All heavy atoms as atom14 arrays in JSON, in Angstrom:
{
  "sequence": "SVRENTPDAIHVFDHFHVIKLMNDTLDKVRRELVAKEVDERKKKLIK",
  "atom14_mask": [
    [1, 1, 1, 1, 1, 1, 0, 0, 0, 0, 0, 0, 0, 0],
    [1, 1, 1, 1, 1, 1, 1, 0, 0, 0, 0, 0, 0, 0],
    [1, 1, 1, 1, 1, 1, 1, 1, 1, 1, 1, 0, 0, 0],
    [1, 1, 1, 1, 1, 1, 1, 1, 1, 0, 0, 0, 0, 0],
    [1, 1, 1, 1, 1, 1, 1, 1, 0, 0, 0, 0, 0, 0],
    [1, 1, 1, 1, 1, 1, 1, 0, 0, 0, 0, 0, 0, 0],
    [1, 1, 1, 1, 1, 1, 1, 0, 0, 0, 0, 0, 0, 0],
    [1, 1, 1, 1, 1, 1, 1, 1, 0, 0, 0, 0, 0, 0],
    [1, 1, 1, 1, 1, 0, 0, 0, 0, 0, 0, 0, 0, 0],
    [1, 1, 1, 1, 1, 1, 1, 1, 0, 0, 0, 0, 0, 0],
    [1, 1, 1, 1, 1, 1, 1, 1, 1, 1, 0, 0, 0, 0],
    [1, 1, 1, 1, 1, 1, 1, 0, 0, 0, 0, 0, 0, 0],
    [1, 1, 1, 1, 1, 1, 1, 1, 1, 1, 1, 0, 0, 0],
    [1, 1, 1, 1, 1, 1, 1, 1, 0, 0, 0, 0, 0, 0],
    [1, 1, 1, 1, 1, 1, 1, 1, 1, 1, 0, 0, 0, 0],
    [1, 1, 1, 1, 1, 1, 1, 1, 1, 1, 1, 0, 0, 0],
    [1, 1, 1, 1, 1, 1, 1, 1, 1, 1, 0, 0, 0, 0],
    [1, 1, 1, 1, 1, 1, 1, 0, 0, 0, 0, 0, 0, 0],
    [1, 1, 1, 1, 1, 1, 1, 1, 0, 0, 0, 0, 0, 0],
    [1, 1, 1, 1, 1, 1, 1, 1, 1, 0, 0, 0, 0, 0],
    [1, 1, 1, 1, 1, 1, 1, 1, 0, 0, 0, 0, 0, 0],
    [1, 1, 1, 1, 1, 1, 1, 1, 0, 0, 0, 0, 0, 0],
    [1, 1, 1, 1, 1, 1, 1, 1, 0, 0, 0, 0, 0, 0],
    [1, 1, 1, 1, 1, 1, 1, 1, 0, 0, 0, 0, 0, 0],
    [1, 1, 1, 1, 1, 1, 1, 0, 0, 0, 0, 0, 0, 0],
    [1, 1, 1, 1, 1, 1, 1, 1, 0, 0, 0, 0, 0, 0],
    [1, 1, 1, 1, 1, 1, 1, 1, 0, 0, 0, 0, 0, 0],
    [1, 1, 1, 1, 1, 1, 1, 1, 1, 0, 0, 0, 0, 0],
    [1, 1, 1, 1, 1, 1, 1, 0, 0, 0, 0, 0, 0, 0],
    [1, 1, 1, 1, 1, 1, 1, 1, 1, 1, 1, 0, 0, 0],
    [1, 1, 1, 1, 1, 1, 1, 1, 1, 1, 1, 0, 0, 0],
    [1, 1, 1, 1, 1, 1, 1, 1, 1, 0, 0, 0, 0, 0],
    [1, 1, 1, 1, 1, 1, 1, 1, 0, 0, 0, 0, 0, 0],
    [1, 1, 1, 1, 1, 1, 1, 0, 0, 0, 0, 0, 0, 0],
    [1, 1, 1, 1, 1, 0, 0, 0, 0, 0, 0, 0, 0, 0],
    [1, 1, 1, 1, 1, 1, 1, 1, 1, 0, 0, 0, 0, 0],
    [1, 1, 1, 1, 1, 1, 1, 1, 1, 0, 0, 0, 0, 0],
    [1, 1, 1, 1, 1, 1, 1, 0, 0, 0, 0, 0, 0, 0],
    [1, 1, 1, 1, 1, 1, 1, 1, 0, 0, 0, 0, 0, 0],
    [1, 1, 1, 1, 1, 1, 1, 1, 1, 0, 0, 0, 0, 0],
    [1, 1, 1, 1, 1, 1, 1, 1, 1, 1, 1, 0, 0, 0],
    [1, 1, 1, 1, 1, 1, 1, 1, 1, 0, 0, 0, 0, 0],
    [1, 1, 1, 1, 1, 1, 1, 1, 1, 0, 0, 0, 0, 0],
    [1, 1, 1, 1, 1, 1, 1, 1, 1, 0, 0, 0, 0, 0],
    [1, 1, 1, 1, 1, 1, 1, 1, 0, 0, 0, 0, 0, 0],
    [1, 1, 1, 1, 1, 1, 1, 1, 0, 0, 0, 0, 0, 0],
    [1, 1, 1, 1, 1, 1, 1, 1, 1, 0, 0, 0, 0, 0]
  ],
  "atom14_positions": [
    [[-14.69, 24.41, -39.33], [-13.84, 24.19, -40.5], [-12.52, 24.94, -40.38], [-11.46, 24.41, -40.7], [-14.58, 24.62, -41.77], [-13.83, 24.34, -42.91], [0.0, 0.0, 0.0], [0.0, 0.0, 0.0], [0.0, 0.0, 0.0], [0.0, 0.0, 0.0], [0.0, 0.0, 0.0], [0.0, 0.0, 0.0], [0.0, 0.0, 0.0], [0.0, 0.0, 0.0]],
    [[-12.58, 26.18, -39.9], [-11.37, 26.99, -39.73], [-10.46, 26.38, -38.66], [-9.24, 26.26, -38.85], [-11.73, 28.45, -39.37], [-10.48, 29.23, -38.97], [-12.42, 29.13, -40.54], [0.0, 0.0, 0.0], [0.0, 0.0, 0.0], [0.0, 0.0, 0.0], [0.0, 0.0, 0.0], [0.0, 0.0, 0.0], [0.0, 0.0, 0.0], [0.0, 0.0, 0.0]],
    [[-11.04, 25.97, -37.54], [-10.25, 25.37, -36.45], [-9.53, 24.11, -36.92], [-8.37, 23.88, -36.58], [-11.16, 25.02, -35.26], [-11.54, 26.17, -34.39], [-12.09, 25.69, -33.05], [-13.15, 24.7, -33.19], [-14.44, 25.01, -33.3], [-14.81, 26.29, -33.32], [-15.35, 24.06, -33.4], [0.0, 0.0, 0.0], [0.0, 0.0, 0.0], [0.0, 0.0, 0.0]],
    [[-10.22, 23.29, -37.69], [-9.66, 22.01, -38.1], [-8.61, 22.15, -39.2], [-7.69, 21.33, -39.28], [-10.79, 21.08, -38.59], [-11.72, 20.62, -37.47], [-12.87, 19.77, -37.99], [-13.03, 19.7, -39.24], [-13.6, 19.19, -37.17], [0.0, 0.0, 0.0], [0.0, 0.0, 0.0], [0.0, 0.0, 0.0], [0.0, 0.0, 0.0], [0.0, 0.0, 0.0]],
    [[-8.73, 23.16, -40.04], [-7.88, 23.23, -41.23], [-6.79, 24.3, -41.19], [-5.8, 24.17, -41.91], [-8.76, 23.45, -42.47], [-9.62, 22.25, -42.79], [-9.14, 21.28, -43.35], [-10.89, 22.31, -42.42], [0.0, 0.0, 0.0], [0.0, 0.0, 0.0], [0.0, 0.0, 0.0], [0.0, 0.0, 0.0], [0.0, 0.0, 0.0], [0.0, 0.0, 0.0]],
    [[-6.98, 25.31, -40.38], [-5.92, 26.32, -40.25], [-5.9, 26.82, -38.8], [-6.22, 27.98, -38.51], [-6.13, 27.47, -41.26], [-5.1, 28.43, -41.1], [-7.49, 28.11, -41.15], [0.0, 0.0, 0.0], [0.0, 0.0, 0.0], [0.0, 0.0, 0.0], [0.0, 0.0, 0.0], [0.0, 0.0, 0.0], [0.0, 0.0, 0.0], [0.0, 0.0, 0.0]],
    [[-5.52, 25.92, -37.88], [-5.6, 26.23, -36.45], [-4.72, 27.38, -35.99], [-5.0, 28.01, -34.96], [-5.16, 24.91, -35.79], [-4.34, 24.21, -36.84], [-4.97, 24.58, -38.14], [0.0, 0.0, 0.0], [0.0, 0.0, 0.0], [0.0, 0.0, 0.0], [0.0, 0.0, 0.0], [0.0, 0.0, 0.0], [0.0, 0.0, 0.0], [0.0, 0.0, 0.0]],
    [[-3.67, 27.7, -36.75], [-2.76, 28.77, -36.33], [-3.22, 30.15, -36.81], [-2.65, 31.18, -36.41], [-1.35, 28.5, -36.86], [-0.73, 27.24, -36.25], [-1.08, 26.94, -35.1], [0.07, 26.58, -36.93], [0.0, 0.0, 0.0], [0.0, 0.0, 0.0], [0.0, 0.0, 0.0], [0.0, 0.0, 0.0], [0.0, 0.0, 0.0], [0.0, 0.0, 0.0]],
    [[-4.21, 30.18, -37.68], [-4.7, 31.46, -38.19], [-5.52, 32.19, -37.13], [-6.15, 31.56, -36.27], [-5.54, 31.25, -39.44], [0.0, 0.0, 0.0], [0.0, 0.0, 0.0], [0.0, 0.0, 0.0], [0.0, 0.0, 0.0], [0.0, 0.0, 0.0], [0.0, 0.0, 0.0], [0.0, 0.0, 0.0], [0.0, 0.0, 0.0], [0.0, 0.0, 0.0]],
    [[-5.51, 33.5, -37.19], [-6.37, 34.32, -36.32], [-7.75, 34.38, -36.95], [-7.92, 34.89, -38.05], [-5.78, 35.73, -36.13], [-4.45, 35.65, -35.38], [-6.76, 36.62, -35.38], [-3.73, 36.98, -35.27], [0.0, 0.0, 0.0], [0.0, 0.0, 0.0], [0.0, 0.0, 0.0], [0.0, 0.0, 0.0], [0.0, 0.0, 0.0], [0.0, 0.0, 0.0]],
    [[-8.73, 33.84, -36.23], [-10.1, 33.78, -36.75], [-10.89, 34.94, -36.16], [-11.03, 35.09, -34.95], [-10.74, 32.44, -36.35], [-12.11, 32.25, -36.92], [-12.97, 31.27, -36.49], [-12.77, 32.92, -37.9], [-14.09, 31.33, -37.18], [-14.0, 32.32, -38.03], [0.0, 0.0, 0.0], [0.0, 0.0, 0.0], [0.0, 0.0, 0.0], [0.0, 0.0, 0.0]],
    [[-11.44, 35.78, -37.06], [-12.17, 36.98, -36.65], [-13.63, 36.84, -37.04], [-13.95, 36.55, -38.2], [-11.59, 38.24, -37.34], [-12.31, 39.49, -36.85], [-10.1, 38.34, -37.11], [0.0, 0.0, 0.0], [0.0, 0.0, 0.0], [0.0, 0.0, 0.0], [0.0, 0.0, 0.0], [0.0, 0.0, 0.0], [0.0, 0.0, 0.0], [0.0, 0.0, 0.0]],
    [[-14.53, 37.05, -36.05], [-15.95, 37.14, -36.36], [-16.24, 38.56, -36.84], [-15.93, 39.53, -36.14], [-16.8, 36.81, -35.14], [-16.96, 35.33, -34.87], [-17.3, 34.87, -33.6], [-16.79, 34.4, -35.89], [-17.45, 33.52, -33.36], [-16.94, 33.05, -35.65], [-17.27, 32.61, -34.38], [0.0, 0.0, 0.0], [0.0, 0.0, 0.0], [0.0, 0.0, 0.0]],
    [[-16.78, 38.67, -38.0], [-17.08, 39.97, -38.58], [-17.95, 40.8, -37.64], [-19.0, 40.34, -37.18], [-17.8, 39.78, -39.92], [-18.22, 41.09, -40.53], [-17.34, 41.9, -40.82], [-19.44, 41.3, -40.69], [0.0, 0.0, 0.0], [0.0, 0.0, 0.0], [0.0, 0.0, 0.0], [0.0, 0.0, 0.0], [0.0, 0.0, 0.0], [0.0, 0.0, 0.0]],
    [[-17.5, 42.03, -37.33], [-18.2, 42.83, -36.32], [-19.6, 43.26, -36.78], [-20.49, 43.46, -35.95], [-17.38, 44.04, -35.89], [-17.06, 45.02, -36.96], [-16.22, 44.75, -38.01], [-17.46, 46.31, -37.13], [-16.12, 45.81, -38.78], [-16.86, 46.76, -38.29], [0.0, 0.0, 0.0], [0.0, 0.0, 0.0], [0.0, 0.0, 0.0], [0.0, 0.0, 0.0]],
    [[-19.8, 43.38, -38.09], [-21.14, 43.73, -38.58], [-22.14, 42.6, -38.27], [-23.3, 42.87, -37.96], [-21.1, 44.01, -40.08], [-20.38, 45.28, -40.43], [-19.16, 45.24, -41.08], [-20.91, 46.51, -40.09], [-18.48, 46.4, -41.39], [-20.24, 47.69, -40.4], [-19.02, 47.63, -41.06], [0.0, 0.0, 0.0], [0.0, 0.0, 0.0], [0.0, 0.0, 0.0]],
    [[-21.67, 41.36, -38.38], [-22.55, 40.23, -38.06], [-22.84, 40.15, -36.56], [-23.93, 39.75, -36.15], [-21.92, 38.92, -38.54], [-22.03, 38.7, -40.02], [-21.1, 39.16, -40.91], [-23.0, 38.09, -40.76], [-21.47, 38.83, -42.14], [-22.61, 38.19, -42.08], [0.0, 0.0, 0.0], [0.0, 0.0, 0.0], [0.0, 0.0, 0.0], [0.0, 0.0, 0.0]],
    [[-21.85, 40.52, -35.74], [-22.06, 40.53, -34.29], [-23.13, 41.56, -33.94], [-24.07, 41.27, -33.18], [-20.74, 40.84, -33.55], [-21.0, 40.97, -32.04], [-19.7, 39.76, -33.81], [0.0, 0.0, 0.0], [0.0, 0.0, 0.0], [0.0, 0.0, 0.0], [0.0, 0.0, 0.0], [0.0, 0.0, 0.0], [0.0, 0.0, 0.0], [0.0, 0.0, 0.0]],
    [[-23.01, 42.75, -34.5], [-24.0, 43.81, -34.23], [-25.36, 43.43, -34.8], [-26.4, 43.7, -34.18], [-23.52, 45.15, -34.82], [-22.19, 45.59, -34.19], [-24.58, 46.23, -34.64], [-22.23, 45.73, -32.68], [0.0, 0.0, 0.0], [0.0, 0.0, 0.0], [0.0, 0.0, 0.0], [0.0, 0.0, 0.0], [0.0, 0.0, 0.0], [0.0, 0.0, 0.0]],
    [[-25.37, 42.79, -35.96], [-26.64, 42.35, -36.55], [-27.35, 41.35, -35.63], [-28.58, 41.39, -35.48], [-26.41, 41.72, -37.92], [-27.71, 41.27, -38.62], [-27.42, 40.65, -39.98], [-28.73, 40.27, -40.68], [-29.56, 39.32, -39.91], [0.0, 0.0, 0.0], [0.0, 0.0, 0.0], [0.0, 0.0, 0.0], [0.0, 0.0, 0.0], [0.0, 0.0, 0.0]],
    [[-26.56, 40.46, -35.03], [-27.14, 39.49, -34.09], [-27.78, 40.2, -32.91], [-28.87, 39.83, -32.45], [-26.05, 38.52, -33.62], [-26.51, 37.27, -32.87], [-27.4, 36.4, -33.75], [-25.31, 36.47, -32.39], [0.0, 0.0, 0.0], [0.0, 0.0, 0.0], [0.0, 0.0, 0.0], [0.0, 0.0, 0.0], [0.0, 0.0, 0.0], [0.0, 0.0, 0.0]],
    [[-27.13, 41.26, -32.43], [-27.68, 42.06, -31.34], [-28.96, 42.77, -31.8], [-29.96, 42.79, -31.08], [-26.63, 43.08, -30.89], [-27.12, 44.05, -29.81], [-27.41, 43.29, -28.2], [-29.17, 43.6, -27.98], [0.0, 0.0, 0.0], [0.0, 0.0, 0.0], [0.0, 0.0, 0.0], [0.0, 0.0, 0.0], [0.0, 0.0, 0.0], [0.0, 0.0, 0.0]],
    [[-28.93, 43.33, -32.99], [-30.12, 44.02, -33.52], [-31.3, 43.07, -33.69], [-32.45, 43.43, -33.4], [-29.8, 44.68, -34.86], [-28.97, 45.95, -34.71], [-28.91, 46.53, -33.63], [-28.32, 46.37, -35.78], [0.0, 0.0, 0.0], [0.0, 0.0, 0.0], [0.0, 0.0, 0.0], [0.0, 0.0, 0.0], [0.0, 0.0, 0.0], [0.0, 0.0, 0.0]],
    [[-31.01, 41.86, -34.16], [-32.07, 40.86, -34.31], [-32.67, 40.5, -32.95], [-33.89, 40.31, -32.83], [-31.52, 39.6, -34.98], [-31.16, 39.83, -36.45], [-31.62, 40.84, -37.02], [-30.43, 38.99, -37.02], [0.0, 0.0, 0.0], [0.0, 0.0, 0.0], [0.0, 0.0, 0.0], [0.0, 0.0, 0.0], [0.0, 0.0, 0.0], [0.0, 0.0, 0.0]],
    [[-31.81, 40.41, -31.95], [-32.29, 40.09, -30.59], [-33.13, 41.24, -30.03], [-34.18, 41.01, -29.42], [-31.09, 39.82, -29.66], [-30.32, 38.74, -30.19], [-31.56, 39.46, -28.26], [0.0, 0.0, 0.0], [0.0, 0.0, 0.0], [0.0, 0.0, 0.0], [0.0, 0.0, 0.0], [0.0, 0.0, 0.0], [0.0, 0.0, 0.0], [0.0, 0.0, 0.0]],
    [[-32.67, 42.47, -30.24], [-33.42, 43.64, -29.79], [-34.8, 43.68, -30.44], [-35.81, 43.94, -29.76], [-32.63, 44.92, -30.12], [-33.35, 46.26, -29.92], [-33.83, 46.41, -28.48], [-32.42, 47.41, -30.29], [0.0, 0.0, 0.0], [0.0, 0.0, 0.0], [0.0, 0.0, 0.0], [0.0, 0.0, 0.0], [0.0, 0.0, 0.0], [0.0, 0.0, 0.0]],
    [[-34.86, 43.39, -31.72], [-36.15, 43.41, -32.41], [-37.06, 42.28, -31.92], [-38.28, 42.44, -31.85], [-35.93, 43.29, -33.92], [-37.16, 43.67, -34.72], [-37.76, 44.72, -34.41], [-37.54, 42.91, -35.63], [0.0, 0.0, 0.0], [0.0, 0.0, 0.0], [0.0, 0.0, 0.0], [0.0, 0.0, 0.0], [0.0, 0.0, 0.0], [0.0, 0.0, 0.0]],
    [[-36.44, 41.15, -31.57], [-37.23, 40.04, -31.02], [-37.83, 40.43, -29.67], [-39.01, 40.13, -29.39], [-36.35, 38.8, -30.86], [-37.1, 37.57, -30.41], [-36.19, 36.35, -30.35], [-36.97, 35.1, -29.94], [-36.1, 33.9, -29.89], [0.0, 0.0, 0.0], [0.0, 0.0, 0.0], [0.0, 0.0, 0.0], [0.0, 0.0, 0.0], [0.0, 0.0, 0.0]],
    [[-37.05, 41.12, -28.83], [-37.55, 41.61, -27.55], [-38.71, 42.57, -27.79], [-39.76, 42.5, -27.12], [-36.42, 42.31, -26.75], [-37.0, 43.03, -25.52], [-35.36, 41.31, -26.33], [0.0, 0.0, 0.0], [0.0, 0.0, 0.0], [0.0, 0.0, 0.0], [0.0, 0.0, 0.0], [0.0, 0.0, 0.0], [0.0, 0.0, 0.0], [0.0, 0.0, 0.0]],
    [[-38.55, 43.47, -28.75], [-39.6, 44.44, -29.06], [-40.89, 43.74, -29.48], [-41.99, 44.08, -29.02], [-39.13, 45.38, -30.16], [-40.15, 46.45, -30.57], [-39.74, 47.15, -31.85], [-39.74, 46.24, -32.99], [-40.81, 45.91, -33.7], [-42.01, 46.43, -33.38], [-40.72, 45.07, -34.71], [0.0, 0.0, 0.0], [0.0, 0.0, 0.0], [0.0, 0.0, 0.0]],
    [[-40.77, 42.74, -30.36], [-41.96, 42.03, -30.85], [-42.65, 41.25, -29.72], [-43.88, 41.18, -29.67], [-41.57, 41.09, -31.99], [-41.32, 41.84, -33.31], [-41.07, 40.93, -34.49], [-39.68, 40.47, -34.53], [-39.27, 39.25, -34.28], [-40.15, 38.32, -33.93], [-38.0, 38.92, -34.36], [0.0, 0.0, 0.0], [0.0, 0.0, 0.0], [0.0, 0.0, 0.0]],
    [[-41.86, 40.68, -28.81], [-42.46, 39.96, -27.67], [-43.21, 40.92, -26.76], [-44.3, 40.59, -26.25], [-41.35, 39.25, -26.89], [-40.78, 38.02, -27.58], [-39.73, 37.32, -26.74], [-39.36, 37.87, -25.67], [-39.27, 36.23, -27.14], [0.0, 0.0, 0.0], [0.0, 0.0, 0.0], [0.0, 0.0, 0.0], [0.0, 0.0, 0.0], [0.0, 0.0, 0.0]],
    [[-42.66, 42.12, -26.56], [-43.32, 43.12, -25.71], [-44.6, 43.63, -26.36], [-45.6, 43.86, -25.66], [-42.36, 44.28, -25.45], [-41.14, 43.95, -24.58], [-40.16, 45.11, -24.56], [-41.58, 43.61, -23.15], [0.0, 0.0, 0.0], [0.0, 0.0, 0.0], [0.0, 0.0, 0.0], [0.0, 0.0, 0.0], [0.0, 0.0, 0.0], [0.0, 0.0, 0.0]],
    [[-44.58, 43.79, -27.67], [-45.8, 44.22, -28.39], [-46.89, 43.18, -28.21], [-48.07, 43.5, -27.98], [-45.5, 44.44, -29.89], [-46.8, 44.61, -30.67], [-44.62, 45.66, -30.08], [0.0, 0.0, 0.0], [0.0, 0.0, 0.0], [0.0, 0.0, 0.0], [0.0, 0.0, 0.0], [0.0, 0.0, 0.0], [0.0, 0.0, 0.0], [0.0, 0.0, 0.0]],
    [[-46.51, 41.9, -28.3], [-47.49, 40.81, -28.18], [-48.09, 40.73, -26.78], [-49.27, 40.38, -26.62], [-46.83, 39.48, -28.55], [0.0, 0.0, 0.0], [0.0, 0.0, 0.0], [0.0, 0.0, 0.0], [0.0, 0.0, 0.0], [0.0, 0.0, 0.0], [0.0, 0.0, 0.0], [0.0, 0.0, 0.0], [0.0, 0.0, 0.0], [0.0, 0.0, 0.0]],
    [[-47.29, 41.09, -25.76], [-47.75, 40.97, -24.37], [-48.51, 42.21, -23.89], [-49.33, 42.12, -22.98], [-46.55, 40.74, -23.44], [-45.88, 39.38, -23.62], [-44.66, 39.27, -22.7], [-43.94, 37.94, -22.87], [-42.73, 37.86, -22.02], [0.0, 0.0, 0.0], [0.0, 0.0, 0.0], [0.0, 0.0, 0.0], [0.0, 0.0, 0.0], [0.0, 0.0, 0.0]],
    [[-48.21, 43.36, -24.48], [-48.77, 44.63, -24.01], [-50.3, 44.67, -24.22], [-50.8, 44.39, -25.3], [-48.11, 45.8, -24.74], [-48.54, 47.17, -24.25], [-48.26, 47.36, -22.77], [-47.07, 47.36, -22.39], [-49.25, 47.51, -22.01], [0.0, 0.0, 0.0], [0.0, 0.0, 0.0], [0.0, 0.0, 0.0], [0.0, 0.0, 0.0], [0.0, 0.0, 0.0]],
    [[-51.02, 45.03, -23.16], [-52.48, 45.1, -23.24], [-52.96, 46.53, -23.47], [-54.06, 46.76, -23.98], [-53.13, 44.52, -21.96], [-52.87, 43.03, -21.88], [-52.63, 45.23, -20.7], [0.0, 0.0, 0.0], [0.0, 0.0, 0.0], [0.0, 0.0, 0.0], [0.0, 0.0, 0.0], [0.0, 0.0, 0.0], [0.0, 0.0, 0.0], [0.0, 0.0, 0.0]],
    [[-52.15, 47.5, -23.06], [-52.5, 48.9, -23.26], [-52.27, 49.26, -24.73], [-51.13, 49.26, -25.2], [-51.63, 49.78, -22.34], [-52.06, 51.25, -22.36], [-52.36, 51.76, -23.47], [-52.08, 51.88, -21.29], [0.0, 0.0, 0.0], [0.0, 0.0, 0.0], [0.0, 0.0, 0.0], [0.0, 0.0, 0.0], [0.0, 0.0, 0.0], [0.0, 0.0, 0.0]],
    [[-53.32, 49.57, -25.45], [-53.22, 49.83, -26.88], [-52.33, 51.03, -27.2], [-51.63, 51.05, -28.22], [-54.61, 50.05, -27.49], [-55.44, 48.78, -27.62], [-54.77, 47.75, -28.53], [-54.16, 48.15, -29.54], [-54.84, 46.54, -28.21], [0.0, 0.0, 0.0], [0.0, 0.0, 0.0], [0.0, 0.0, 0.0], [0.0, 0.0, 0.0], [0.0, 0.0, 0.0]],
    [[-52.35, 52.02, -26.32], [-51.51, 53.21, -26.55], [-50.04, 52.86, -26.45], [-49.24, 53.25, -27.3], [-51.88, 54.29, -25.53], [-51.15, 55.61, -25.74], [-51.58, 56.63, -24.69], [-51.28, 56.16, -23.34], [-50.08, 56.33, -22.75], [-49.11, 56.95, -23.39], [-49.88, 55.89, -21.51], [0.0, 0.0, 0.0], [0.0, 0.0, 0.0], [0.0, 0.0, 0.0]],
    [[-49.7, 52.1, -25.43], [-48.3, 51.69, -25.26], [-47.88, 50.72, -26.37], [-46.76, 50.78, -26.88], [-48.12, 51.02, -23.89], [-48.22, 51.96, -22.72], [-47.96, 51.21, -21.41], [-48.04, 52.16, -20.21], [-47.79, 51.44, -18.92], [0.0, 0.0, 0.0], [0.0, 0.0, 0.0], [0.0, 0.0, 0.0], [0.0, 0.0, 0.0], [0.0, 0.0, 0.0]],
    [[-48.79, 49.82, -26.74], [-48.49, 48.84, -27.8], [-48.17, 49.56, -29.11], [-47.22, 49.21, -29.81], [-49.68, 47.91, -27.99], [-49.49, 46.91, -29.14], [-50.69, 45.98, -29.3], [-50.72, 44.94, -28.21], [-51.67, 43.83, -28.53], [0.0, 0.0, 0.0], [0.0, 0.0, 0.0], [0.0, 0.0, 0.0], [0.0, 0.0, 0.0], [0.0, 0.0, 0.0]],
    [[-48.98, 50.59, -29.41], [-48.77, 51.34, -30.65], [-47.43, 52.07, -30.63], [-46.71, 52.11, -31.65], [-49.91, 52.33, -30.84], [-49.83, 53.09, -32.16], [-51.02, 54.03, -32.31], [-50.93, 54.8, -33.63], [-52.07, 55.75, -33.78], [0.0, 0.0, 0.0], [0.0, 0.0, 0.0], [0.0, 0.0, 0.0], [0.0, 0.0, 0.0], [0.0, 0.0, 0.0]],
    [[-47.07, 52.61, -29.47], [-45.81, 53.34, -29.34], [-44.61, 52.41, -29.53], [-43.68, 52.7, -30.28], [-45.74, 54.02, -27.97], [-44.45, 54.8, -27.68], [-44.27, 55.93, -28.7], [-44.47, 55.35, -26.25], [0.0, 0.0, 0.0], [0.0, 0.0, 0.0], [0.0, 0.0, 0.0], [0.0, 0.0, 0.0], [0.0, 0.0, 0.0], [0.0, 0.0, 0.0]],
    [[-44.64, 51.25, -28.86], [-43.52, 50.29, -28.95], [-43.42, 49.72, -30.37], [-42.33, 49.57, -30.91], [-43.72, 49.14, -27.93], [-43.69, 49.69, -26.5], [-42.64, 48.07, -28.11], [-44.08, 48.67, -25.44], [0.0, 0.0, 0.0], [0.0, 0.0, 0.0], [0.0, 0.0, 0.0], [0.0, 0.0, 0.0], [0.0, 0.0, 0.0], [0.0, 0.0, 0.0]],
    [[-44.57, 49.45, -30.96], [-44.6, 48.88, -32.3], [-43.97, 49.82, -33.33], [-43.34, 49.38, -34.3], [-46.06, 48.59, -32.69], [-46.2, 47.7, -33.91], [-47.66, 47.31, -34.12], [-47.81, 46.37, -35.3], [-49.22, 45.96, -35.48], [0.0, 0.0, 0.0], [0.0, 0.0, 0.0], [0.0, 0.0, 0.0], [0.0, 0.0, 0.0], [0.0, 0.0, 0.0]]
  ]
}
């Protein structure tokens, strides 16, 4: 919408949302590792 209607404007992606996307990805990696881990001690630590 921004590209089509105000192409000359400087479009900024909010940096908090960028970091949030990274945090969501990190948490997804953590949850996948918890699901795969067979060692209960390690699973509890990562969780």
